[in-house]
Amino acid sequence: MEQAILVFLELVWFKNVYLARLIEECIEHYPVVHLYVSQVLNNPFFESYEQIDAISDYIHLYCTEYGYPDGT
């Protein structure tokens, strides 16, 4: 996994362990989520809290449509 994603996951981990695990699993299972997360993290106009919100919202919308990695 890219260094920026690993650092981001550590930041999220301290705020919300469940969300960090969900993001990590989605990145591993869905290439489009991995691409989206990389784009958000490489966007210099996002603050860290905006990155968390944008990625969290995207993952929940994506998983609602296509299913969560755990099969639900």
N, C-alpha and C. Protein backbone atom coordinates (compact mmCIF):
# COMPACT_ATOMS: atom_id res chain seq x y z
N MET A 1 0.85 -1.16 0.00
CA MET A 1 0.00 0.00 0.00
C MET A 1 0.90 1.24 0.00
N GLU A 2 0.44 2.28 -0.62
CA GLU A 2 1.21 3.51 -0.71
C GLU A 2 1.45 4.12 0.68
N GLN A 3 2.56 4.80 0.81
CA GLN A 3 2.92 5.40 2.10
C GLN A 3 1.88 6.40 2.57
N ALA A 4 1.35 7.21 1.65
CA ALA A 4 0.34 8.22 2.03
C ALA A 4 -0.91 7.55 2.60
N ILE A 5 -1.29 6.42 2.04
CA ILE A 5 -2.47 5.70 2.53
C ILE A 5 -2.20 5.13 3.92
N LEU A 6 -1.02 4.59 4.13
CA LEU A 6 -0.68 4.03 5.44
C LEU A 6 -0.68 5.11 6.52
N VAL A 7 -0.14 6.27 6.21
CA VAL A 7 -0.13 7.38 7.17
C VAL A 7 -1.57 7.83 7.44
N PHE A 8 -2.37 7.92 6.40
CA PHE A 8 -3.78 8.31 6.56
C PHE A 8 -4.51 7.31 7.44
N LEU A 9 -4.29 6.01 7.22
CA LEU A 9 -4.97 4.99 8.03
C LEU A 9 -4.57 5.10 9.50
N GLU A 10 -3.32 5.44 9.77
CA GLU A 10 -2.90 5.63 11.16
C GLU A 10 -3.64 6.80 11.79
N LEU A 11 -3.81 7.87 11.03
CA LEU A 11 -4.55 9.03 11.54
C LEU A 11 -5.99 8.65 11.85
N VAL A 12 -6.63 7.95 10.92
CA VAL A 12 -8.02 7.54 11.11
C VAL A 12 -8.13 6.56 12.27
N TRP A 13 -7.16 5.67 12.41
CA TRP A 13 -7.18 4.65 13.45
C TRP A 13 -7.35 5.27 14.84
N PHE A 14 -6.70 6.41 15.08
CA PHE A 14 -6.79 7.06 16.38
C PHE A 14 -8.17 7.68 16.62
N LYS A 15 -8.87 7.99 15.56
CA LYS A 15 -10.19 8.61 15.69
C LYS A 15 -11.32 7.58 15.67
N ASN A 16 -11.19 6.55 14.83
CA ASN A 16 -12.27 5.59 14.65
C ASN A 16 -11.70 4.28 14.10
N VAL A 17 -11.51 3.31 14.96
CA VAL A 17 -10.90 2.03 14.57
C VAL A 17 -11.77 1.32 13.52
N TYR A 18 -13.07 1.32 13.71
CA TYR A 18 -13.97 0.66 12.76
C TYR A 18 -13.81 1.25 11.36
N LEU A 19 -13.80 2.56 11.27
CA LEU A 19 -13.67 3.23 9.98
C LEU A 19 -12.32 2.92 9.33
N ALA A 20 -11.26 2.90 10.12
CA ALA A 20 -9.93 2.58 9.58
C ALA A 20 -9.91 1.18 9.00
N ARG A 21 -10.50 0.23 9.70
CA ARG A 21 -10.55 -1.15 9.19
C ARG A 21 -11.38 -1.24 7.91
N LEU A 22 -12.50 -0.55 7.90
CA LEU A 22 -13.37 -0.55 6.72
C LEU A 22 -12.64 0.05 5.51
N ILE A 23 -11.96 1.16 5.71
CA ILE A 23 -11.21 1.78 4.62
C ILE A 23 -10.14 0.83 4.12
N GLU A 24 -9.40 0.23 5.02
CA GLU A 24 -8.33 -0.70 4.63
C GLU A 24 -8.89 -1.89 3.84
N GLU A 25 -9.98 -2.48 4.31
CA GLU A 25 -10.57 -3.63 3.62
C GLU A 25 -11.10 -3.23 2.24
N CYS A 26 -11.71 -2.06 2.15
CA CYS A 26 -12.24 -1.61 0.86
C CYS A 26 -11.13 -1.32 -0.13
N ILE A 27 -10.04 -0.75 0.36
CA ILE A 27 -8.90 -0.48 -0.52
C ILE A 27 -8.35 -1.80 -1.06
N GLU A 28 -8.28 -2.81 -0.22
CA GLU A 28 -7.75 -4.11 -0.65
C GLU A 28 -8.69 -4.84 -1.61
N HIS A 29 -9.99 -4.69 -1.44
CA HIS A 29 -10.96 -5.44 -2.25
C HIS A 29 -11.43 -4.72 -3.51
N TYR A 30 -11.43 -3.42 -3.48
CA TYR A 30 -12.01 -2.65 -4.59
C TYR A 30 -10.97 -1.68 -5.17
N PRO A 31 -10.45 -1.98 -6.35
CA PRO A 31 -9.45 -1.09 -6.96
C PRO A 31 -9.94 0.34 -7.16
N VAL A 32 -11.22 0.52 -7.45
CA VAL A 32 -11.75 1.87 -7.65
C VAL A 32 -11.71 2.68 -6.35
N VAL A 33 -11.90 2.03 -5.23
CA VAL A 33 -11.80 2.71 -3.93
C VAL A 33 -10.34 3.10 -3.68
N HIS A 34 -9.42 2.20 -4.00
CA HIS A 34 -8.00 2.50 -3.84
C HIS A 34 -7.62 3.72 -4.67
N LEU A 35 -8.09 3.78 -5.89
CA LEU A 35 -7.82 4.92 -6.76
C LEU A 35 -8.40 6.21 -6.18
N TYR A 36 -9.64 6.15 -5.72
CA TYR A 36 -10.28 7.34 -5.14
C TYR A 36 -9.52 7.84 -3.92
N VAL A 37 -9.16 6.94 -3.02
CA VAL A 37 -8.44 7.32 -1.81
C VAL A 37 -7.10 7.97 -2.18
N SER A 38 -6.40 7.40 -3.15
CA SER A 38 -5.13 7.97 -3.59
C SER A 38 -5.32 9.38 -4.14
N GLN A 39 -6.37 9.59 -4.91
CA GLN A 39 -6.63 10.91 -5.48
C GLN A 39 -6.95 11.93 -4.40
N VAL A 40 -7.76 11.54 -3.43
CA VAL A 40 -8.11 12.46 -2.35
C VAL A 40 -6.87 12.82 -1.52
N LEU A 41 -6.05 11.82 -1.23
CA LEU A 41 -4.87 12.08 -0.41
C LEU A 41 -3.82 12.91 -1.15
N ASN A 42 -3.82 12.84 -2.47
CA ASN A 42 -2.85 13.62 -3.24
C ASN A 42 -3.37 15.00 -3.63
N ASN A 43 -4.58 15.33 -3.21
CA ASN A 43 -5.17 16.63 -3.51
C ASN A 43 -4.74 17.62 -2.42
N PRO A 44 -3.93 18.63 -2.77
CA PRO A 44 -3.42 19.54 -1.75
C PRO A 44 -4.48 20.48 -1.17
N PHE A 45 -5.66 20.51 -1.75
CA PHE A 45 -6.70 21.42 -1.28
C PHE A 45 -7.56 20.83 -0.16
N PHE A 46 -7.38 19.54 0.14
CA PHE A 46 -8.13 18.90 1.21
C PHE A 46 -7.36 18.98 2.52
N GLU A 47 -8.03 19.40 3.57
CA GLU A 47 -7.46 19.28 4.92
C GLU A 47 -7.67 17.84 5.38
N SER A 48 -6.98 17.41 6.44
CA SER A 48 -7.07 16.01 6.86
C SER A 48 -8.49 15.62 7.26
N TYR A 49 -9.22 16.51 7.96
CA TYR A 49 -10.58 16.16 8.35
C TYR A 49 -11.49 16.08 7.12
N GLU A 50 -11.21 16.89 6.09
CA GLU A 50 -11.99 16.81 4.85
C GLU A 50 -11.70 15.51 4.11
N GLN A 51 -10.44 15.06 4.18
CA GLN A 51 -10.08 13.79 3.55
C GLN A 51 -10.84 12.64 4.21
N ILE A 52 -10.88 12.65 5.52
CA ILE A 52 -11.58 11.58 6.24
C ILE A 52 -13.06 11.58 5.87
N ASP A 53 -13.68 12.75 5.87
CA ASP A 53 -15.10 12.84 5.53
C ASP A 53 -15.37 12.40 4.09
N ALA A 54 -14.56 12.87 3.15
CA ALA A 54 -14.76 12.54 1.74
C ALA A 54 -14.59 11.05 1.50
N ILE A 55 -13.57 10.46 2.07
CA ILE A 55 -13.31 9.04 1.88
C ILE A 55 -14.36 8.20 2.58
N SER A 56 -14.73 8.57 3.78
CA SER A 56 -15.76 7.84 4.51
C SER A 56 -17.09 7.86 3.76
N ASP A 57 -17.49 9.04 3.29
CA ASP A 57 -18.74 9.15 2.54
C ASP A 57 -18.70 8.30 1.27
N TYR A 58 -17.59 8.36 0.55
CA TYR A 58 -17.46 7.60 -0.69
C TYR A 58 -17.54 6.10 -0.43
N ILE A 59 -16.84 5.65 0.59
CA ILE A 59 -16.83 4.21 0.90
C ILE A 59 -18.22 3.74 1.29
N HIS A 60 -18.92 4.50 2.10
CA HIS A 60 -20.26 4.08 2.50
C HIS A 60 -21.22 4.06 1.30
N LEU A 61 -21.11 5.03 0.42
CA LEU A 61 -21.95 5.02 -0.79
C LEU A 61 -21.58 3.86 -1.71
N TYR A 62 -20.29 3.64 -1.90
CA TYR A 62 -19.83 2.56 -2.77
C TYR A 62 -20.27 1.21 -2.23
N CYS A 63 -20.07 1.00 -0.94
CA CYS A 63 -20.41 -0.29 -0.34
C CYS A 63 -21.91 -0.51 -0.25
N THR A 64 -22.68 0.56 -0.13
CA THR A 64 -24.13 0.42 -0.15
C THR A 64 -24.57 -0.09 -1.51
N GLU A 65 -23.91 0.38 -2.55
CA GLU A 65 -24.25 -0.01 -3.91
C GLU A 65 -23.72 -1.42 -4.26
N TYR A 66 -22.47 -1.70 -3.90
CA TYR A 66 -21.80 -2.93 -4.36
C TYR A 66 -21.55 -3.95 -3.27
N GLY A 67 -21.82 -3.62 -2.03
CA GLY A 67 -21.62 -4.55 -0.92
C GLY A 67 -20.32 -4.28 -0.18
N TYR A 68 -20.35 -4.58 1.11
CA TYR A 68 -19.18 -4.41 1.95
C TYR A 68 -18.25 -5.62 1.77
N PRO A 69 -16.96 -5.45 2.03
CA PRO A 69 -16.01 -6.56 1.85
C PRO A 69 -16.37 -7.81 2.65
N ASP A 70 -17.09 -7.65 3.77
CA ASP A 70 -17.45 -8.82 4.59
C ASP A 70 -18.67 -9.55 4.05
N GLY A 71 -19.21 -9.08 2.91
CA GLY A 71 -20.32 -9.77 2.28
C GLY A 71 -21.69 -9.23 2.62
N THR A 72 -21.76 -8.21 3.46
CA THR A 72 -23.06 -7.63 3.81
C THR A 72 -23.48 -6.56 2.85
